[in-house]
Amino acid sequence: MDDAEAARVAADPRFQELVHRRGRFTWALTAVMVAAYLSFILLIAFDKALLAKPIGAGVTSIGIVAGFAVIVLAIVLTGIYVRRAARGFDPLVEAVRAEHDA
């Protein structure tokens, strides 16, 4: 793709909408993940006793469950992004690509 073609694609309103929507969505998911991870780290730093408490009569602590929850959240957010990309973003990309390849 030459510079003129790249400029035409960048000027396409559908492409600009795609960039805006995808950027807003990815920043929202990033904020959720950063907030969860930062909360976990702050709990480790300032309330170790809470994270060390066992759950029930077992040996598993709240910290283990919280750490596992952060990992699961990352996987779930990745799945949410992939689903949204496949259903919402990819069709727009294909439409813009088809118009500019023709």
PDB file of N, CA and C in Angstrom:
ATOM      1  N   MET A   1       0.853  -1.175   0.000  1.00  0.00           N
ATOM      2  CA  MET A   1       0.000   0.000   0.000  1.00  0.00           C
ATOM      3  C   MET A   1       0.896   1.235   0.000  1.00  0.00           C
ATOM      4  N   ASP A   2       0.648   2.113  -0.934  1.00  0.00           N
ATOM      5  CA  ASP A   2       1.434   3.342  -0.996  1.00  0.00           C
ATOM      6  C   ASP A   2       0.838   4.408  -0.076  1.00  0.00           C
ATOM      7  N   ASP A   3       1.535   5.531   0.013  1.00  0.00           N
ATOM      8  CA  ASP A   3       1.108   6.592   0.930  1.00  0.00           C
ATOM      9  C   ASP A   3      -0.241   7.185   0.545  1.00  0.00           C
ATOM     10  N   ALA A   4      -0.510   7.306  -0.731  1.00  0.00           N
ATOM     11  CA  ALA A   4      -1.785   7.881  -1.172  1.00  0.00           C
ATOM     12  C   ALA A   4      -2.951   6.961  -0.794  1.00  0.00           C
ATOM     13  N   GLU A   5      -2.764   5.669  -0.983  1.00  0.00           N
ATOM     14  CA  GLU A   5      -3.813   4.705  -0.614  1.00  0.00           C
ATOM     15  C   GLU A   5      -4.023   4.690   0.899  1.00  0.00           C
ATOM     16  N   ALA A   6      -2.945   4.739   1.655  1.00  0.00           N
ATOM     17  CA  ALA A   6      -3.056   4.782   3.114  1.00  0.00           C
ATOM     18  C   ALA A   6      -3.795   6.037   3.566  1.00  0.00           C
ATOM     19  N   ALA A   7      -3.535   7.152   2.917  1.00  0.00           N
ATOM     20  CA  ALA A   7      -4.230   8.402   3.258  1.00  0.00           C
ATOM     21  C   ALA A   7      -5.720   8.304   2.930  1.00  0.00           C
ATOM     22  N   ARG A   8      -6.073   7.657   1.801  1.00  0.00           N
ATOM     23  CA  ARG A   8      -7.500   7.487   1.455  1.00  0.00           C
ATOM     24  C   ARG A   8      -8.206   6.591   2.465  1.00  0.00           C
ATOM     25  N   VAL A   9      -7.532   5.521   2.891  1.00  0.00           N
ATOM     26  CA  VAL A   9      -8.132   4.630   3.894  1.00  0.00           C
ATOM     27  C   VAL A   9      -8.286   5.373   5.216  1.00  0.00           C
ATOM     28  N   ALA A  10      -7.277   6.117   5.617  1.00  0.00           N
ATOM     29  CA  ALA A  10      -7.346   6.864   6.874  1.00  0.00           C
ATOM     30  C   ALA A  10      -8.430   7.936   6.847  1.00  0.00           C
ATOM     31  N   ALA A  11      -8.746   8.461   5.665  1.00  0.00           N
ATOM     32  CA  ALA A  11      -9.775   9.494   5.544  1.00  0.00           C
ATOM     33  C   ALA A  11     -11.183   8.908   5.462  1.00  0.00           C
ATOM     34  N   ASP A  12     -11.296   7.620   5.268  1.00  0.00           N
ATOM     35  CA  ASP A  12     -12.607   6.967   5.169  1.00  0.00           C
ATOM     36  C   ASP A  12     -13.340   7.090   6.514  1.00  0.00           C
ATOM     37  N   PRO A  13     -14.579   7.613   6.520  1.00  0.00           N
ATOM     38  CA  PRO A  13     -15.319   7.783   7.780  1.00  0.00           C
ATOM     39  C   PRO A  13     -15.556   6.458   8.512  1.00  0.00           C
ATOM     40  N   ARG A  14     -15.747   5.378   7.761  1.00  0.00           N
ATOM     41  CA  ARG A  14     -15.951   4.078   8.417  1.00  0.00           C
ATOM     42  C   ARG A  14     -14.684   3.618   9.131  1.00  0.00           C
ATOM     43  N   PHE A  15     -13.530   3.884   8.520  1.00  0.00           N
ATOM     44  CA  PHE A  15     -12.267   3.526   9.152  1.00  0.00           C
ATOM     45  C   PHE A  15     -12.048   4.354  10.416  1.00  0.00           C
ATOM     46  N   GLN A  16     -12.351   5.636  10.343  1.00  0.00           N
ATOM     47  CA  GLN A  16     -12.206   6.498  11.512  1.00  0.00           C
ATOM     48  C   GLN A  16     -13.138   6.063  12.634  1.00  0.00           C
ATOM     49  N   GLU A  17     -14.368   5.675  12.274  1.00  0.00           N
ATOM     50  CA  GLU A  17     -15.300   5.177  13.285  1.00  0.00           C
ATOM     51  C   GLU A  17     -14.781   3.890  13.907  1.00  0.00           C
ATOM     52  N   LEU A  18     -14.240   3.008  13.077  1.00  0.00           N
ATOM     53  CA  LEU A  18     -13.676   1.751  13.568  1.00  0.00           C
ATOM     54  C   LEU A  18     -12.546   2.014  14.552  1.00  0.00           C
ATOM     55  N   VAL A  19     -11.650   2.885  14.205  1.00  0.00           N
ATOM     56  CA  VAL A  19     -10.520   3.205  15.085  1.00  0.00           C
ATOM     57  C   VAL A  19     -11.024   3.785  16.398  1.00  0.00           C
ATOM     58  N   HIS A  20     -12.008   4.670  16.324  1.00  0.00           N
ATOM     59  CA  HIS A  20     -12.556   5.291  17.528  1.00  0.00           C
ATOM     60  C   HIS A  20     -13.249   4.261  18.421  1.00  0.00           C
ATOM     61  N   ARG A  21     -14.127   3.440  17.835  1.00  0.00           N
ATOM     62  CA  ARG A  21     -14.864   2.446  18.623  1.00  0.00           C
ATOM     63  C   ARG A  21     -13.942   1.404  19.231  1.00  0.00           C
ATOM     64  N   ARG A  22     -13.003   0.920  18.432  1.00  0.00           N
ATOM     65  CA  ARG A  22     -12.087  -0.101  18.933  1.00  0.00           C
ATOM     66  C   ARG A  22     -11.173   0.474  20.011  1.00  0.00           C
ATOM     67  N   GLY A  23     -10.712   1.688  19.822  1.00  0.00           N
ATOM     68  CA  GLY A  23      -9.863   2.329  20.824  1.00  0.00           C
ATOM     69  C   GLY A  23     -10.587   2.534  22.141  1.00  0.00           C
ATOM     70  N   ARG A  24     -11.828   3.011  22.061  1.00  0.00           N
ATOM     71  CA  ARG A  24     -12.607   3.229  23.282  1.00  0.00           C
ATOM     72  C   ARG A  24     -12.856   1.914  24.011  1.00  0.00           C
ATOM     73  N   PHE A  25     -13.176   0.870  23.250  1.00  0.00           N
ATOM     74  CA  PHE A  25     -13.449  -0.438  23.851  1.00  0.00           C
ATOM     75  C   PHE A  25     -12.194  -1.033  24.486  1.00  0.00           C
ATOM     76  N   THR A  26     -11.068  -0.950  23.791  1.00  0.00           N
ATOM     77  CA  THR A  26      -9.843  -1.528  24.345  1.00  0.00           C
ATOM     78  C   THR A  26      -9.367  -0.760  25.574  1.00  0.00           C
ATOM     79  N   TRP A  27      -9.551   0.552  25.578  1.00  0.00           N
ATOM     80  CA  TRP A  27      -9.172   1.314  26.774  1.00  0.00           C
ATOM     81  C   TRP A  27     -10.069   0.966  27.960  1.00  0.00           C
ATOM     82  N   ALA A  28     -11.336   0.709  27.711  1.00  0.00           N
ATOM     83  CA  ALA A  28     -12.241   0.312  28.799  1.00  0.00           C
ATOM     84  C   ALA A  28     -11.811  -1.035  29.389  1.00  0.00           C
ATOM     85  N   LEU A  29     -11.502  -1.991  28.522  1.00  0.00           N
ATOM     86  CA  LEU A  29     -11.041  -3.295  29.016  1.00  0.00           C
ATOM     87  C   LEU A  29      -9.707  -3.159  29.747  1.00  0.00           C
ATOM     88  N   THR A  30      -8.835  -2.327  29.222  1.00  0.00           N
ATOM     89  CA  THR A  30      -7.547  -2.099  29.880  1.00  0.00           C
ATOM     90  C   THR A  30      -7.741  -1.495  31.262  1.00  0.00           C
ATOM     91  N   ALA A  31      -8.660  -0.552  31.384  1.00  0.00           N
ATOM     92  CA  ALA A  31      -8.925   0.077  32.683  1.00  0.00           C
ATOM     93  C   ALA A  31      -9.442  -0.939  33.690  1.00  0.00           C
ATOM     94  N   VAL A  32     -10.308  -1.832  33.249  1.00  0.00           N
ATOM     95  CA  VAL A  32     -10.826  -2.870  34.149  1.00  0.00           C
ATOM     96  C   VAL A  32      -9.684  -3.761  34.635  1.00  0.00           C
ATOM     97  N   MET A  33      -8.803  -4.183  33.716  1.00  0.00           N
ATOM     98  CA  MET A  33      -7.711  -5.069  34.089  1.00  0.00           C
ATOM     99  C   MET A  33      -6.708  -4.376  34.994  1.00  0.00           C
ATOM    100  N   VAL A  34      -6.372  -3.139  34.687  1.00  0.00           N
ATOM    101  CA  VAL A  34      -5.424  -2.391  35.516  1.00  0.00           C
ATOM    102  C   VAL A  34      -5.994  -2.169  36.912  1.00  0.00           C
ATOM    103  N   ALA A  35      -7.274  -1.840  36.994  1.00  0.00           N
ATOM    104  CA  ALA A  35      -7.901  -1.633  38.306  1.00  0.00           C
ATOM    105  C   ALA A  35      -7.880  -2.923  39.135  1.00  0.00           C
ATOM    106  N   ALA A  36      -8.198  -4.045  38.505  1.00  0.00           N
ATOM    107  CA  ALA A  36      -8.187  -5.320  39.231  1.00  0.00           C
ATOM    108  C   ALA A  36      -6.778  -5.674  39.690  1.00  0.00           C
ATOM    109  N   TYR A  37      -5.810  -5.549  38.808  1.00  0.00           N
ATOM    110  CA  TYR A  37      -4.434  -5.897  39.154  1.00  0.00           C
ATOM    111  C   TYR A  37      -3.878  -4.951  40.213  1.00  0.00           C
ATOM    112  N   LEU A  38      -4.131  -3.655  40.053  1.00  0.00           N
ATOM    113  CA  LEU A  38      -3.651  -2.683  41.032  1.00  0.00           C
ATOM    114  C   LEU A  38      -4.288  -2.927  42.395  1.00  0.00           C
ATOM    115  N   SER A  39      -5.567  -3.252  42.416  1.00  0.00           N
ATOM    116  CA  SER A  39      -6.233  -3.565  43.681  1.00  0.00           C
ATOM    117  C   SER A  39      -5.590  -4.764  44.361  1.00  0.00           C
ATOM    118  N   PHE A  40      -5.280  -5.785  43.584  1.00  0.00           N
ATOM    119  CA  PHE A  40      -4.637  -6.974  44.127  1.00  0.00           C
ATOM    120  C   PHE A  40      -3.254  -6.630  44.694  1.00  0.00           C
ATOM    121  N   ILE A  41      -2.479  -5.866  43.959  1.00  0.00           N
ATOM    122  CA  ILE A  41      -1.144  -5.478  44.424  1.00  0.00           C
ATOM    123  C   ILE A  41      -1.234  -4.613  45.678  1.00  0.00           C
ATOM    124  N   LEU A  42      -2.184  -3.691  45.719  1.00  0.00           N
ATOM    125  CA  LEU A  42      -2.349  -2.850  46.909  1.00  0.00           C
ATOM    126  C   LEU A  42      -2.770  -3.679  48.119  1.00  0.00           C
ATOM    127  N   LEU A  43      -3.596  -4.691  47.902  1.00  0.00           N
ATOM    128  CA  LEU A  43      -3.938  -5.583  49.016  1.00  0.00           C
ATOM    129  C   LEU A  43      -2.704  -6.329  49.519  1.00  0.00           C
ATOM    130  N   ILE A  44      -1.870  -6.766  48.605  1.00  0.00           N
ATOM    131  CA  ILE A  44      -0.634  -7.444  49.014  1.00  0.00           C
ATOM    132  C   ILE A  44       0.243  -6.488  49.823  1.00  0.00           C
ATOM    133  N   ALA A  45       0.313  -5.251  49.397  1.00  0.00           N
ATOM    134  CA  ALA A  45       1.189  -4.282  50.051  1.00  0.00           C
ATOM    135  C   ALA A  45       0.662  -3.830  51.409  1.00  0.00           C
ATOM    136  N   PHE A  46      -0.657  -3.636  51.517  1.00  0.00           N
ATOM    137  CA  PHE A  46      -1.182  -2.992  52.712  1.00  0.00           C
ATOM    138  C   PHE A  46      -2.044  -3.867  53.609  1.00  0.00           C
ATOM    139  N   ASP A  47      -2.477  -5.034  53.162  1.00  0.00           N
ATOM    140  CA  ASP A  47      -3.320  -5.877  54.015  1.00  0.00           C
ATOM    141  C   ASP A  47      -2.988  -7.352  53.808  1.00  0.00           C
ATOM    142  N   LYS A  48      -1.761  -7.706  54.139  1.00  0.00           N
ATOM    143  CA  LYS A  48      -1.322  -9.087  53.987  1.00  0.00           C
ATOM    144  C   LYS A  48      -2.133 -10.022  54.870  1.00  0.00           C
ATOM    145  N   ALA A  49      -2.551  -9.528  56.019  1.00  0.00           N
ATOM    146  CA  ALA A  49      -3.307 -10.375  56.948  1.00  0.00           C
ATOM    147  C   ALA A  49      -4.627 -10.832  56.320  1.00  0.00           C
ATOM    148  N   LEU A  50      -5.283  -9.958  55.602  1.00  0.00           N
ATOM    149  CA  LEU A  50      -6.535 -10.333  54.946  1.00  0.00           C
ATOM    150  C   LEU A  50      -6.298 -11.425  53.916  1.00  0.00           C
ATOM    151  N   LEU A  51      -5.280 -11.251  53.102  1.00  0.00           N
ATOM    152  CA  LEU A  51      -4.997 -12.235  52.069  1.00  0.00           C
ATOM    153  C   LEU A  51      -4.499 -13.557  52.643  1.00  0.00           C
ATOM    154  N   ALA A  52      -3.964 -13.535  53.849  1.00  0.00           N
ATOM    155  CA  ALA A  52      -3.447 -14.763  54.474  1.00  0.00           C
ATOM    156  C   ALA A  52      -4.528 -15.573  55.176  1.00  0.00           C
ATOM    157  N   LYS A  53      -5.718 -14.995  55.350  1.00  0.00           N
ATOM    158  CA  LYS A  53      -6.788 -15.726  56.044  1.00  0.00           C
ATOM    159  C   LYS A  53      -7.217 -16.940  55.233  1.00  0.00           C
ATOM    160  N   PRO A  54      -7.317 -18.084  55.897  1.00  0.00           N
ATOM    161  CA  PRO A  54      -7.779 -19.275  55.169  1.00  0.00           C
ATOM    162  C   PRO A  54      -9.278 -19.204  54.895  1.00  0.00           C
ATOM    163  N   ILE A  55      -9.667 -19.895  53.852  1.00  0.00           N
ATOM    164  CA  ILE A  55     -11.086 -19.983  53.516  1.00  0.00           C
ATOM    165  C   ILE A  55     -11.626 -21.230  54.197  1.00  0.00           C
ATOM    166  N   GLY A  56     -12.606 -21.041  55.052  1.00  0.00           N
ATOM    167  CA  GLY A  56     -13.190 -22.179  55.779  1.00  0.00           C
ATOM    168  C   GLY A  56     -12.144 -22.849  56.656  1.00  0.00           C
ATOM    169  N   ALA A  57     -12.180 -24.174  56.685  1.00  0.00           N
ATOM    170  CA  ALA A  57     -11.242 -24.930  57.503  1.00  0.00           C
ATOM    171  C   ALA A  57     -10.059 -25.426  56.677  1.00  0.00           C
ATOM    172  N   GLY A  58     -10.001 -25.048  55.408  1.00  0.00           N
ATOM    173  CA  GLY A  58      -8.950 -25.530  54.520  1.00  0.00           C
ATOM    174  C   GLY A  58      -7.676 -24.719  54.629  1.00  0.00           C
ATOM    175  N   VAL A  59      -6.751 -25.041  53.754  1.00  0.00           N
ATOM    176  CA  VAL A  59      -5.468 -24.345  53.744  1.00  0.00           C
ATOM    177  C   VAL A  59      -5.392 -23.282  52.648  1.00  0.00           C
ATOM    178  N   THR A  60      -6.386 -23.232  51.797  1.00  0.00           N
ATOM    179  CA  THR A  60      -6.405 -22.232  50.735  1.00  0.00           C
ATOM    180  C   THR A  60      -6.759 -20.870  51.324  1.00  0.00           C
ATOM    181  N   SER A  61      -5.956 -19.874  50.985  1.00  0.00           N
ATOM    182  CA  SER A  61      -6.177 -18.540  51.548  1.00  0.00           C
ATOM    183  C   SER A  61      -6.961 -17.656  50.572  1.00  0.00           C
ATOM    184  N   ILE A  62      -7.405 -16.536  51.096  1.00  0.00           N
ATOM    185  CA  ILE A  62      -8.114 -15.554  50.273  1.00  0.00           C
ATOM    186  C   ILE A  62      -7.186 -15.027  49.182  1.00  0.00           C
ATOM    187  N   GLY A  63      -5.902 -14.905  49.483  1.00  0.00           N
ATOM    188  CA  GLY A  63      -4.930 -14.421  48.510  1.00  0.00           C
ATOM    189  C   GLY A  63      -4.817 -15.323  47.283  1.00  0.00           C
ATOM    190  N   ILE A  64      -4.862 -16.630  47.501  1.00  0.00           N
ATOM    191  CA  ILE A  64      -4.791 -17.575  46.382  1.00  0.00           C
ATOM    192  C   ILE A  64      -6.018 -17.400  45.489  1.00  0.00           C
ATOM    193  N   VAL A  65      -7.171 -17.283  46.098  1.00  0.00           N
ATOM    194  CA  VAL A  65      -8.412 -17.106  45.328  1.00  0.00           C
ATOM    195  C   VAL A  65      -8.398 -15.766  44.592  1.00  0.00           C
ATOM    196  N   ALA A  66      -7.932 -14.715  45.256  1.00  0.00           N
ATOM    197  CA  ALA A  66      -7.874 -13.398  44.619  1.00  0.00           C
ATOM    198  C   ALA A  66      -6.898 -13.399  43.444  1.00  0.00           C
ATOM    199  N   GLY A  67      -5.755 -14.017  43.602  1.00  0.00           N
ATOM    200  CA  GLY A  67      -4.788 -14.113  42.510  1.00  0.00           C
ATOM    201  C   GLY A  67      -5.342 -14.902  41.335  1.00  0.00           C
ATOM    202  N   PHE A  68      -6.010 -15.996  41.648  1.00  0.00           N
ATOM    203  CA  PHE A  68      -6.635 -16.797  40.600  1.00  0.00           C
ATOM    204  C   PHE A  68      -7.724 -15.991  39.892  1.00  0.00           C
ATOM    205  N   ALA A  69      -8.461 -15.191  40.645  1.00  0.00           N
ATOM    206  CA  ALA A  69      -9.529 -14.367  40.061  1.00  0.00           C
ATOM    207  C   ALA A  69      -8.952 -13.329  39.086  1.00  0.00           C
ATOM    208  N   VAL A  70      -7.792 -12.773  39.407  1.00  0.00           N
ATOM    209  CA  VAL A  70      -7.156 -11.811  38.502  1.00  0.00           C
ATOM    210  C   VAL A  70      -6.764 -12.496  37.196  1.00  0.00           C
ATOM    211  N   ILE A  71      -6.239 -13.713  37.295  1.00  0.00           N
ATOM    212  CA  ILE A  71      -5.866 -14.470  36.090  1.00  0.00           C
ATOM    213  C   ILE A  71      -7.106 -14.799  35.260  1.00  0.00           C
ATOM    214  N   VAL A  72      -8.157 -15.251  35.919  1.00  0.00           N
ATOM    215  CA  VAL A  72      -9.396 -15.590  35.215  1.00  0.00           C
ATOM    216  C   VAL A  72      -9.997 -14.344  34.574  1.00  0.00           C
ATOM    217  N   LEU A  73      -9.935 -13.216  35.263  1.00  0.00           N
ATOM    218  CA  LEU A  73     -10.440 -11.965  34.695  1.00  0.00           C
ATOM    219  C   LEU A  73      -9.704 -11.620  33.408  1.00  0.00           C
ATOM    220  N   ALA A  74      -8.391 -11.796  33.375  1.00  0.00           N
ATOM    221  CA  ALA A  74      -7.626 -11.524  32.161  1.00  0.00           C
ATOM    222  C   ALA A  74      -8.088 -12.411  31.017  1.00  0.00           C
ATOM    223  N   ILE A  75      -8.343 -13.673  31.298  1.00  0.00           N
ATOM    224  CA  ILE A  75      -8.808 -14.602  30.268  1.00  0.00           C
ATOM    225  C   ILE A  75     -10.201 -14.208  29.781  1.00  0.00           C
ATOM    226  N   VAL A  76     -11.071 -13.848  30.700  1.00  0.00           N
ATOM    227  CA  VAL A  76     -12.438 -13.458  30.341  1.00  0.00           C
ATOM    228  C   VAL A  76     -12.423 -12.176  29.503  1.00  0.00           C
ATOM    229  N   LEU A  77     -11.613 -11.204  29.895  1.00  0.00           N
ATOM    230  CA  LEU A  77     -11.541  -9.960  29.123  1.00  0.00           C
ATOM    231  C   LEU A  77     -10.985 -10.210  27.724  1.00  0.00           C
ATOM    232  N   THR A  78     -10.043 -11.125  27.611  1.00  0.00           N
ATOM    233  CA  THR A  78      -9.530 -11.493  26.288  1.00  0.00           C
ATOM    234  C   THR A  78     -10.638 -12.106  25.442  1.00  0.00           C
ATOM    235  N   GLY A  79     -11.427 -12.986  26.039  1.00  0.00           N
ATOM    236  CA  GLY A  79     -12.556 -13.588  25.323  1.00  0.00           C
ATOM    237  C   GLY A  79     -13.582 -12.557  24.892  1.00  0.00           C
ATOM    238  N   ILE A  80     -13.853 -11.596  25.764  1.00  0.00           N
ATOM    239  CA  ILE A  80     -14.801 -10.528  25.430  1.00  0.00           C
ATOM    240  C   ILE A  80     -14.283  -9.721  24.241  1.00  0.00           C
ATOM    241  N   TYR A  81     -12.986  -9.410  24.249  1.00  0.00           N
ATOM    242  CA  TYR A  81     -12.425  -8.649  23.138  1.00  0.00           C
ATOM    243  C   TYR A  81     -12.490  -9.444  21.836  1.00  0.00           C
ATOM    244  N   VAL A  82     -12.127 -10.712  21.894  1.00  0.00           N
ATOM    245  CA  VAL A  82     -12.134 -11.534  20.681  1.00  0.00           C
ATOM    246  C   VAL A  82     -13.544 -11.638  20.116  1.00  0.00           C
ATOM    247  N   ARG A  83     -14.525 -11.825  20.992  1.00  0.00           N
ATOM    248  CA  ARG A  83     -15.915 -11.922  20.533  1.00  0.00           C
ATOM    249  C   ARG A  83     -16.364 -10.613  19.892  1.00  0.00           C
ATOM    250  N   ARG A  84     -16.052  -9.506  20.537  1.00  0.00           N
ATOM    251  CA  ARG A  84     -16.447  -8.200  20.002  1.00  0.00           C
ATOM    252  C   ARG A  84     -15.741  -7.910  18.684  1.00  0.00           C
ATOM    253  N   ALA A  85     -14.460  -8.288  18.600  1.00  0.00           N
ATOM    254  CA  ALA A  85     -13.715  -8.060  17.363  1.00  0.00           C
ATOM    255  C   ALA A  85     -14.294  -8.880  16.225  1.00  0.00           C
ATOM    256  N   ALA A  86     -14.623 -10.128  16.497  1.00  0.00           N
ATOM    257  CA  ALA A  86     -15.142 -10.999  15.444  1.00  0.00           C
ATOM    258  C   ALA A  86     -16.517 -10.552  14.965  1.00  0.00           C
ATOM    259  N   ARG A  87     -17.326 -10.044  15.860  1.00  0.00           N
ATOM    260  CA  ARG A  87     -18.699  -9.668  15.487  1.00  0.00           C
ATOM    261  C   ARG A  87     -18.853  -8.213  15.080  1.00  0.00           C
ATOM    262  N   GLY A  88     -18.021  -7.338  15.619  1.00  0.00           N
ATOM    263  CA  GLY A  88     -18.221  -5.916  15.358  1.00  0.00           C
ATOM    264  C   GLY A  88     -17.132  -5.263  14.552  1.00  0.00           C
ATOM    265  N   PHE A  89     -15.877  -5.570  14.874  1.00  0.00           N
ATOM    266  CA  PHE A  89     -14.783  -4.859  14.226  1.00  0.00           C
ATOM    267  C   PHE A  89     -14.374  -5.497  12.899  1.00  0.00           C
ATOM    268  N   ASP A  90     -14.286  -6.806  12.858  1.00  0.00           N
ATOM    269  CA  ASP A  90     -13.828  -7.482  11.640  1.00  0.00           C
ATOM    270  C   ASP A  90     -14.721  -7.211  10.427  1.00  0.00           C
ATOM    271  N   PRO A  91     -16.059  -7.191  10.565  1.00  0.00           N
ATOM    272  CA  PRO A  91     -16.880  -6.847   9.393  1.00  0.00           C
ATOM    273  C   PRO A  91     -16.609  -5.436   8.862  1.00  0.00           C
ATOM    274  N   LEU A  92     -16.356  -4.500   9.768  1.00  0.00           N
ATOM    275  CA  LEU A  92     -16.028  -3.143   9.315  1.00  0.00           C
ATOM    276  C   LEU A  92     -14.682  -3.113   8.604  1.00  0.00           C
ATOM    277  N   VAL A  93     -13.722  -3.853   9.116  1.00  0.00           N
ATOM    278  CA  VAL A  93     -12.411  -3.922   8.472  1.00  0.00           C
ATOM    279  C   VAL A  93     -12.553  -4.508   7.072  1.00  0.00           C
ATOM    280  N   GLU A  94     -13.311  -5.580   6.963  1.00  0.00           N
ATOM    281  CA  GLU A  94     -13.507  -6.211   5.653  1.00  0.00           C
ATOM    282  C   GLU A  94     -14.218  -5.288   4.673  1.00  0.00           C
ATOM    283  N   ALA A  95     -15.203  -4.525   5.151  1.00  0.00           N
ATOM    284  CA  ALA A  95     -15.911  -3.597   4.269  1.00  0.00           C
ATOM    285  C   ALA A  95     -14.982  -2.502   3.755  1.00  0.00           C
ATOM    286  N   VAL A  96     -14.185  -1.948   4.638  1.00  0.00           N
ATOM    287  CA  VAL A  96     -13.238  -0.910   4.221  1.00  0.00           C
ATOM    288  C   VAL A  96     -12.191  -1.504   3.276  1.00  0.00           C
ATOM    289  N   ARG A  97     -11.690  -2.674   3.607  1.00  0.00           N
ATOM    290  CA  ARG A  97     -10.685  -3.324   2.765  1.00  0.00           C
ATOM    291  C   ARG A  97     -11.244  -3.643   1.385  1.00  0.00           C
ATOM    292  N   ALA A  98     -12.461  -4.164   1.321  1.00  0.00           N
ATOM    293  CA  ALA A  98     -13.066  -4.521   0.032  1.00  0.00           C
ATOM    294  C   ALA A  98     -13.252  -3.288  -0.851  1.00  0.00           C
ATOM    295  N   GLU A  99     -13.663  -2.198  -0.245  1.00  0.00           N
ATOM    296  CA  GLU A  99     -13.879  -0.970  -1.030  1.00  0.00           C
ATOM    297  C   GLU A  99     -12.563  -0.417  -1.569  1.00  0.00           C
ATOM    298  N   HIS A 100     -11.513  -0.478  -0.758  1.00  0.00           N
ATOM    299  CA  HIS A 100     -10.251   0.123  -1.182  1.00  0.00           C
ATOM    300  C   HIS A 100      -9.386  -0.829  -2.008  1.00  0.00           C
ATOM    301  N   ASP A 101      -9.680  -2.123  -1.989  1.00  0.00           N
ATOM    302  CA  ASP A 101      -8.968  -3.068  -2.845  1.00  0.00           C
ATOM    303  C   ASP A 101      -9.540  -3.080  -4.263  1.00  0.00           C
ATOM    304  N   ALA A 102     -10.801  -2.666  -4.371  1.00  0.00           N
ATOM    305  CA  ALA A 102     -11.463  -2.709  -5.688  1.00  0.00           C
ATOM    306  C   ALA A 102     -10.988  -1.621  -6.614  1.00  0.00           C
TER     307      ALA A 102
END
